[in-house]
Amino acid sequence: MYRYRCNQCRTTSPAVRSKREVETERDRHRARAHAGHIPDGEEIQTHTPPHRPGQPTRPLHYVLYVWAGLVLLFLIWLRF
């Protein structure tokens, strides 16, 4: 994910999936806000969406959760 940041205007574009999309956004911004000139301090940032609480961050976590659930079920079954 990419975002375009213009430090002169203090604006940041919404995140897009490809570099081509963010470059298009940059070119549009330059044309609209700066008459085609390149503003000082502009940058293209890589953007990683924030982690959502309670959601596993890696597929391995899913496997571990399943195994933990199976162990708990087995222990409950042993008691009866």
N, C-alpha and C. Protein backbone atom coordinates (compact mmCIF):
# COMPACT_ATOMS: atom_id res chain seq x y z
N MET A 1 0.84 -1.16 0.00
CA MET A 1 0.00 0.00 0.00
C MET A 1 0.91 1.25 0.00
N TYR A 2 0.46 2.25 -0.73
CA TYR A 2 1.24 3.47 -0.87
C TYR A 2 0.37 4.69 -0.60
N ARG A 3 1.01 5.76 -0.13
CA ARG A 3 0.35 7.05 0.08
C ARG A 3 1.27 8.15 -0.44
N TYR A 4 0.66 9.20 -0.99
CA TYR A 4 1.42 10.37 -1.43
C TYR A 4 1.29 11.44 -0.36
N ARG A 5 2.42 12.02 0.04
CA ARG A 5 2.43 13.06 1.07
C ARG A 5 3.06 14.32 0.49
N CYS A 6 2.31 15.43 0.58
CA CYS A 6 2.83 16.75 0.19
C CYS A 6 3.02 17.53 1.48
N ASN A 7 4.26 17.69 1.90
CA ASN A 7 4.54 18.40 3.15
C ASN A 7 4.26 19.89 3.04
N GLN A 8 4.35 20.43 1.84
CA GLN A 8 4.08 21.85 1.66
C GLN A 8 2.59 22.14 1.90
N CYS A 9 1.71 21.29 1.41
CA CYS A 9 0.27 21.47 1.60
C CYS A 9 -0.22 20.80 2.89
N ARG A 10 0.64 19.97 3.47
CA ARG A 10 0.29 19.20 4.66
C ARG A 10 -0.90 18.28 4.40
N THR A 11 -0.85 17.60 3.25
CA THR A 11 -1.91 16.66 2.90
C THR A 11 -1.30 15.29 2.61
N THR A 12 -2.10 14.26 2.85
CA THR A 12 -1.71 12.89 2.55
C THR A 12 -2.87 12.24 1.81
N SER A 13 -2.56 11.57 0.72
CA SER A 13 -3.61 10.91 -0.06
C SER A 13 -4.07 9.64 0.64
N PRO A 14 -5.26 9.14 0.29
CA PRO A 14 -5.68 7.84 0.81
C PRO A 14 -4.73 6.75 0.29
N ALA A 15 -4.64 5.66 1.00
CA ALA A 15 -3.76 4.56 0.60
C ALA A 15 -4.30 3.88 -0.64
N VAL A 16 -3.39 3.54 -1.55
CA VAL A 16 -3.72 2.80 -2.77
C VAL A 16 -2.82 1.58 -2.86
N ARG A 17 -3.21 0.62 -3.69
CA ARG A 17 -2.50 -0.66 -3.74
C ARG A 17 -1.24 -0.67 -4.59
N SER A 18 -1.19 0.14 -5.63
CA SER A 18 -0.03 0.05 -6.52
C SER A 18 0.74 1.37 -6.59
N LYS A 19 1.99 1.24 -6.98
CA LYS A 19 2.83 2.43 -7.11
C LYS A 19 2.34 3.30 -8.26
N ARG A 20 1.82 2.68 -9.30
CA ARG A 20 1.31 3.43 -10.44
C ARG A 20 0.13 4.33 -10.01
N GLU A 21 -0.75 3.82 -9.16
CA GLU A 21 -1.89 4.61 -8.68
C GLU A 21 -1.43 5.82 -7.87
N VAL A 22 -0.45 5.60 -7.00
CA VAL A 22 0.01 6.71 -6.16
C VAL A 22 0.77 7.74 -6.99
N GLU A 23 1.47 7.29 -8.03
CA GLU A 23 2.15 8.24 -8.91
C GLU A 23 1.13 9.07 -9.70
N THR A 24 0.02 8.46 -10.07
CA THR A 24 -1.06 9.19 -10.74
C THR A 24 -1.64 10.24 -9.79
N GLU A 25 -1.86 9.87 -8.54
CA GLU A 25 -2.36 10.81 -7.54
C GLU A 25 -1.37 11.97 -7.34
N ARG A 26 -0.08 11.65 -7.31
CA ARG A 26 0.95 12.68 -7.17
C ARG A 26 0.90 13.66 -8.34
N ASP A 27 0.81 13.12 -9.55
CA ASP A 27 0.78 13.98 -10.74
C ASP A 27 -0.46 14.87 -10.74
N ARG A 28 -1.62 14.31 -10.34
CA ARG A 28 -2.85 15.12 -10.25
C ARG A 28 -2.71 16.24 -9.24
N HIS A 29 -2.11 15.91 -8.09
CA HIS A 29 -1.93 16.93 -7.05
C HIS A 29 -0.99 18.04 -7.53
N ARG A 30 0.10 17.64 -8.16
CA ARG A 30 1.03 18.65 -8.68
C ARG A 30 0.34 19.59 -9.66
N ALA A 31 -0.48 19.01 -10.55
CA ALA A 31 -1.16 19.83 -11.56
C ALA A 31 -2.19 20.76 -10.92
N ARG A 32 -2.98 20.24 -9.97
CA ARG A 32 -4.03 21.04 -9.34
C ARG A 32 -3.48 22.10 -8.39
N ALA A 33 -2.62 21.68 -7.48
CA ALA A 33 -2.21 22.57 -6.39
C ALA A 33 -0.94 23.37 -6.67
N HIS A 34 -0.11 22.89 -7.58
CA HIS A 34 1.20 23.53 -7.76
C HIS A 34 1.49 23.89 -9.22
N ALA A 35 0.45 23.94 -10.05
CA ALA A 35 0.59 24.31 -11.47
C ALA A 35 1.64 23.46 -12.18
N GLY A 36 1.74 22.19 -11.80
CA GLY A 36 2.68 21.28 -12.45
C GLY A 36 4.07 21.27 -11.87
N HIS A 37 4.36 22.17 -10.94
CA HIS A 37 5.68 22.22 -10.32
C HIS A 37 5.81 21.13 -9.26
N ILE A 38 7.04 20.78 -8.93
CA ILE A 38 7.31 19.77 -7.91
C ILE A 38 7.49 20.48 -6.58
N PRO A 39 6.60 20.22 -5.61
CA PRO A 39 6.74 20.89 -4.32
C PRO A 39 7.88 20.31 -3.49
N ASP A 40 8.51 21.15 -2.69
CA ASP A 40 9.56 20.69 -1.80
C ASP A 40 8.96 19.78 -0.73
N GLY A 41 9.65 18.71 -0.42
CA GLY A 41 9.23 17.84 0.67
C GLY A 41 8.15 16.83 0.33
N GLU A 42 7.85 16.65 -0.96
CA GLU A 42 6.85 15.63 -1.29
C GLU A 42 7.50 14.25 -1.19
N GLU A 43 6.67 13.25 -0.91
CA GLU A 43 7.20 11.88 -0.80
C GLU A 43 6.09 10.87 -1.05
N ILE A 44 6.53 9.70 -1.47
CA ILE A 44 5.63 8.55 -1.58
C ILE A 44 5.98 7.62 -0.44
N GLN A 45 5.00 7.35 0.39
CA GLN A 45 5.22 6.53 1.59
C GLN A 45 4.64 5.14 1.38
N THR A 46 5.31 4.15 1.93
CA THR A 46 4.69 2.83 1.98
C THR A 46 3.84 2.81 3.24
N HIS A 47 2.67 2.24 3.11
CA HIS A 47 1.70 2.28 4.20
C HIS A 47 1.24 0.86 4.50
N THR A 48 1.38 0.46 5.74
CA THR A 48 0.87 -0.83 6.19
C THR A 48 -0.32 -0.55 7.09
N PRO A 49 -1.48 -1.13 6.76
CA PRO A 49 -2.64 -0.89 7.61
C PRO A 49 -2.37 -1.34 9.05
N PRO A 50 -2.91 -0.63 10.02
CA PRO A 50 -2.67 -1.00 11.42
C PRO A 50 -3.27 -2.36 11.76
N HIS A 51 -2.63 -3.04 12.69
CA HIS A 51 -3.10 -4.34 13.16
C HIS A 51 -4.41 -4.17 13.92
N ARG A 52 -5.39 -5.02 13.62
CA ARG A 52 -6.66 -4.97 14.33
C ARG A 52 -6.56 -5.83 15.58
N PRO A 53 -6.93 -5.29 16.73
CA PRO A 53 -6.84 -6.06 17.98
C PRO A 53 -7.67 -7.33 17.92
N GLY A 54 -7.12 -8.39 18.48
CA GLY A 54 -7.84 -9.65 18.53
C GLY A 54 -7.74 -10.48 17.27
N GLN A 55 -7.02 -9.99 16.27
CA GLN A 55 -6.88 -10.75 15.02
C GLN A 55 -5.45 -11.26 14.92
N PRO A 56 -5.27 -12.55 14.61
CA PRO A 56 -3.91 -13.08 14.47
C PRO A 56 -3.14 -12.33 13.39
N THR A 57 -1.87 -12.09 13.64
CA THR A 57 -1.07 -11.34 12.68
C THR A 57 -0.44 -12.24 11.63
N ARG A 58 -0.35 -13.52 11.90
CA ARG A 58 0.28 -14.44 10.96
C ARG A 58 -0.57 -15.71 10.84
N PRO A 59 -0.53 -16.37 9.69
CA PRO A 59 -1.31 -17.61 9.54
C PRO A 59 -0.93 -18.68 10.56
N LEU A 60 0.32 -18.67 11.02
CA LEU A 60 0.74 -19.66 12.01
C LEU A 60 -0.10 -19.54 13.28
N HIS A 61 -0.53 -18.34 13.61
CA HIS A 61 -1.36 -18.15 14.80
C HIS A 61 -2.67 -18.92 14.69
N TYR A 62 -3.24 -18.99 13.48
CA TYR A 62 -4.47 -19.76 13.30
C TYR A 62 -4.23 -21.22 13.66
N VAL A 63 -3.12 -21.76 13.20
CA VAL A 63 -2.80 -23.17 13.48
C VAL A 63 -2.63 -23.38 14.98
N LEU A 64 -1.95 -22.47 15.64
CA LEU A 64 -1.75 -22.60 17.09
C LEU A 64 -3.08 -22.51 17.85
N TYR A 65 -3.97 -21.63 17.40
CA TYR A 65 -5.27 -21.51 18.05
C TYR A 65 -6.09 -22.78 17.88
N VAL A 66 -6.03 -23.37 16.72
CA VAL A 66 -6.77 -24.62 16.48
C VAL A 66 -6.22 -25.73 17.37
N TRP A 67 -4.90 -25.84 17.44
CA TRP A 67 -4.29 -26.87 18.29
C TRP A 67 -4.65 -26.65 19.76
N ALA A 68 -4.62 -25.42 20.21
CA ALA A 68 -4.97 -25.13 21.61
C ALA A 68 -6.42 -25.52 21.87
N GLY A 69 -7.31 -25.24 20.93
CA GLY A 69 -8.71 -25.62 21.07
C GLY A 69 -8.89 -27.12 21.12
N LEU A 70 -8.15 -27.84 20.27
CA LEU A 70 -8.24 -29.30 20.27
C LEU A 70 -7.73 -29.90 21.57
N VAL A 71 -6.66 -29.35 22.10
CA VAL A 71 -6.13 -29.84 23.38
C VAL A 71 -7.15 -29.60 24.49
N LEU A 72 -7.76 -28.44 24.50
CA LEU A 72 -8.78 -28.16 25.51
C LEU A 72 -9.97 -29.11 25.39
N LEU A 73 -10.42 -29.36 24.19
CA LEU A 73 -11.52 -30.30 23.99
C LEU A 73 -11.14 -31.70 24.45
N PHE A 74 -9.91 -32.11 24.16
CA PHE A 74 -9.44 -33.43 24.59
C PHE A 74 -9.40 -33.53 26.10
N LEU A 75 -8.91 -32.49 26.78
CA LEU A 75 -8.87 -32.49 28.24
C LEU A 75 -10.27 -32.53 28.85
N ILE A 76 -11.19 -31.80 28.26
CA ILE A 76 -12.57 -31.84 28.74
C ILE A 76 -13.16 -33.23 28.54
N TRP A 77 -12.88 -33.85 27.41
CA TRP A 77 -13.37 -35.20 27.12
C TRP A 77 -12.81 -36.21 28.11
N LEU A 78 -11.54 -36.06 28.52
CA LEU A 78 -10.93 -37.00 29.47
C LEU A 78 -11.61 -36.95 30.85
N ARG A 79 -12.09 -35.80 31.24
CA ARG A 79 -12.73 -35.65 32.56
C ARG A 79 -14.09 -36.34 32.61
N PHE A 80 -14.73 -36.53 31.48
CA PHE A 80 -16.06 -37.18 31.50
C PHE A 80 -15.90 -38.60 31.13
